[in-house]
Amino acid sequence: MAGEYDLIGRKADSSATYKGRVTLRNEGGVLQVTRFHFDGNEYDATYRWQSDPDNYPRFIGYLYLSATKSPGLEALFPIHK
């Protein structure tokens, strides 16, 4: 699962969409995530993953702050180099 991913998402409590890049690293058996911040806020995210027929992981997750009424949604797609 470690690698670089393209990200497509919808911001929490908004209909605004965005795109970006996320890096997942395996550090001692723990998956570390490097991503961007919105408006100076550090969001929490909960992801689920599954493998598609091509055997690459796909991540879909919810993005939120503590006072979020409508969580954002993100999809991560692996970048093949």
Protein backbone atom coordinates (compact mmCIF):
# COMPACT_ATOMS: atom_id res chain seq x y z
CA MET A 1 0.00 0.00 0.00
CA ALA A 2 2.95 2.32 0.37
CA GLY A 3 3.42 4.68 -2.56
CA GLU A 4 2.13 7.86 -4.16
CA TYR A 5 -1.54 8.47 -4.92
CA ASP A 6 -3.55 11.00 -6.87
CA LEU A 7 -6.37 12.37 -4.74
CA ILE A 8 -9.80 13.65 -5.79
CA GLY A 9 -12.09 15.01 -3.09
CA ARG A 10 -14.93 17.18 -1.86
CA LYS A 11 -14.22 19.50 1.06
CA ALA A 12 -16.08 18.98 4.37
CA ASP A 13 -19.20 21.14 4.89
CA SER A 14 -18.93 22.31 1.28
CA SER A 15 -19.56 21.35 -2.32
CA ALA A 16 -16.07 22.56 -3.32
CA THR A 17 -13.92 19.91 -4.99
CA TYR A 18 -10.14 19.59 -5.04
CA LYS A 19 -7.31 17.40 -6.22
CA GLY A 20 -3.88 16.70 -4.88
CA ARG A 21 -1.29 14.08 -4.09
CA VAL A 22 -0.85 11.83 -1.06
CA THR A 23 2.19 9.76 -0.10
CA LEU A 24 1.88 6.63 2.07
CA ARG A 25 5.09 5.29 3.67
CA ASN A 26 5.68 2.11 5.65
CA GLU A 27 7.71 3.01 8.72
CA GLY A 28 8.24 0.02 10.98
CA GLY A 29 4.94 -1.57 10.01
CA VAL A 30 2.98 1.67 10.50
CA LEU A 31 1.50 3.48 7.51
CA GLN A 32 2.51 7.17 7.60
CA VAL A 33 0.57 9.67 5.48
CA THR A 34 1.89 12.91 3.96
CA ARG A 35 -0.84 15.20 2.67
CA PHE A 36 -1.83 18.89 2.47
CA HIS A 37 -3.84 21.13 4.86
CA PHE A 38 -6.87 23.32 4.11
CA ASP A 39 -7.06 26.91 5.35
CA GLY A 40 -4.39 26.16 7.97
CA ASN A 41 -6.54 23.40 9.54
CA GLU A 42 -5.37 19.85 10.13
CA TYR A 43 -8.23 17.51 9.24
CA ASP A 44 -8.81 13.97 10.46
CA ALA A 45 -9.61 11.29 7.92
CA THR A 46 -10.92 7.74 8.05
CA TYR A 47 -10.21 5.53 5.03
CA ARG A 48 -11.26 2.10 3.91
CA TRP A 49 -9.37 0.22 1.26
CA GLN A 50 -10.01 -2.59 -1.13
CA SER A 51 -8.16 -4.23 -3.95
CA ASP A 52 -9.50 -4.02 -7.50
CA PRO A 53 -9.07 -6.78 -10.12
CA ASP A 54 -5.75 -5.17 -11.12
CA ASN A 55 -4.52 -5.87 -7.53
CA TYR A 56 -3.82 -2.21 -6.76
CA PRO A 57 -5.30 -0.80 -3.54
CA ARG A 58 -8.02 1.84 -3.74
CA PHE A 59 -8.69 4.12 -0.78
CA ILE A 60 -11.95 5.96 -0.10
CA GLY A 61 -12.27 8.09 3.00
CA TYR A 62 -14.17 10.68 4.98
CA LEU A 63 -12.49 13.96 5.93
CA TYR A 64 -13.62 16.06 8.88
CA LEU A 65 -12.89 18.52 11.70
CA SER A 66 -14.37 18.11 15.18
CA ALA A 67 -17.32 20.44 14.37
CA THR A 68 -17.98 19.05 10.85
CA LYS A 69 -21.66 18.61 9.99
CA SER A 70 -21.13 17.03 6.57
CA PRO A 71 -17.84 15.15 6.14
CA GLY A 72 -15.79 15.51 2.99
CA LEU A 73 -15.09 12.57 0.76
CA GLU A 74 -11.80 11.55 -0.87
CA ALA A 75 -10.70 8.87 -3.31
CA LEU A 76 -7.04 7.92 -3.74
CA PHE A 77 -5.72 6.30 -6.92
CA PRO A 78 -2.22 4.77 -7.11
CA ILE A 79 0.32 6.45 -9.38
CA HIS A 80 2.12 3.87 -11.52
CA LYS A 81 5.71 4.76 -12.31
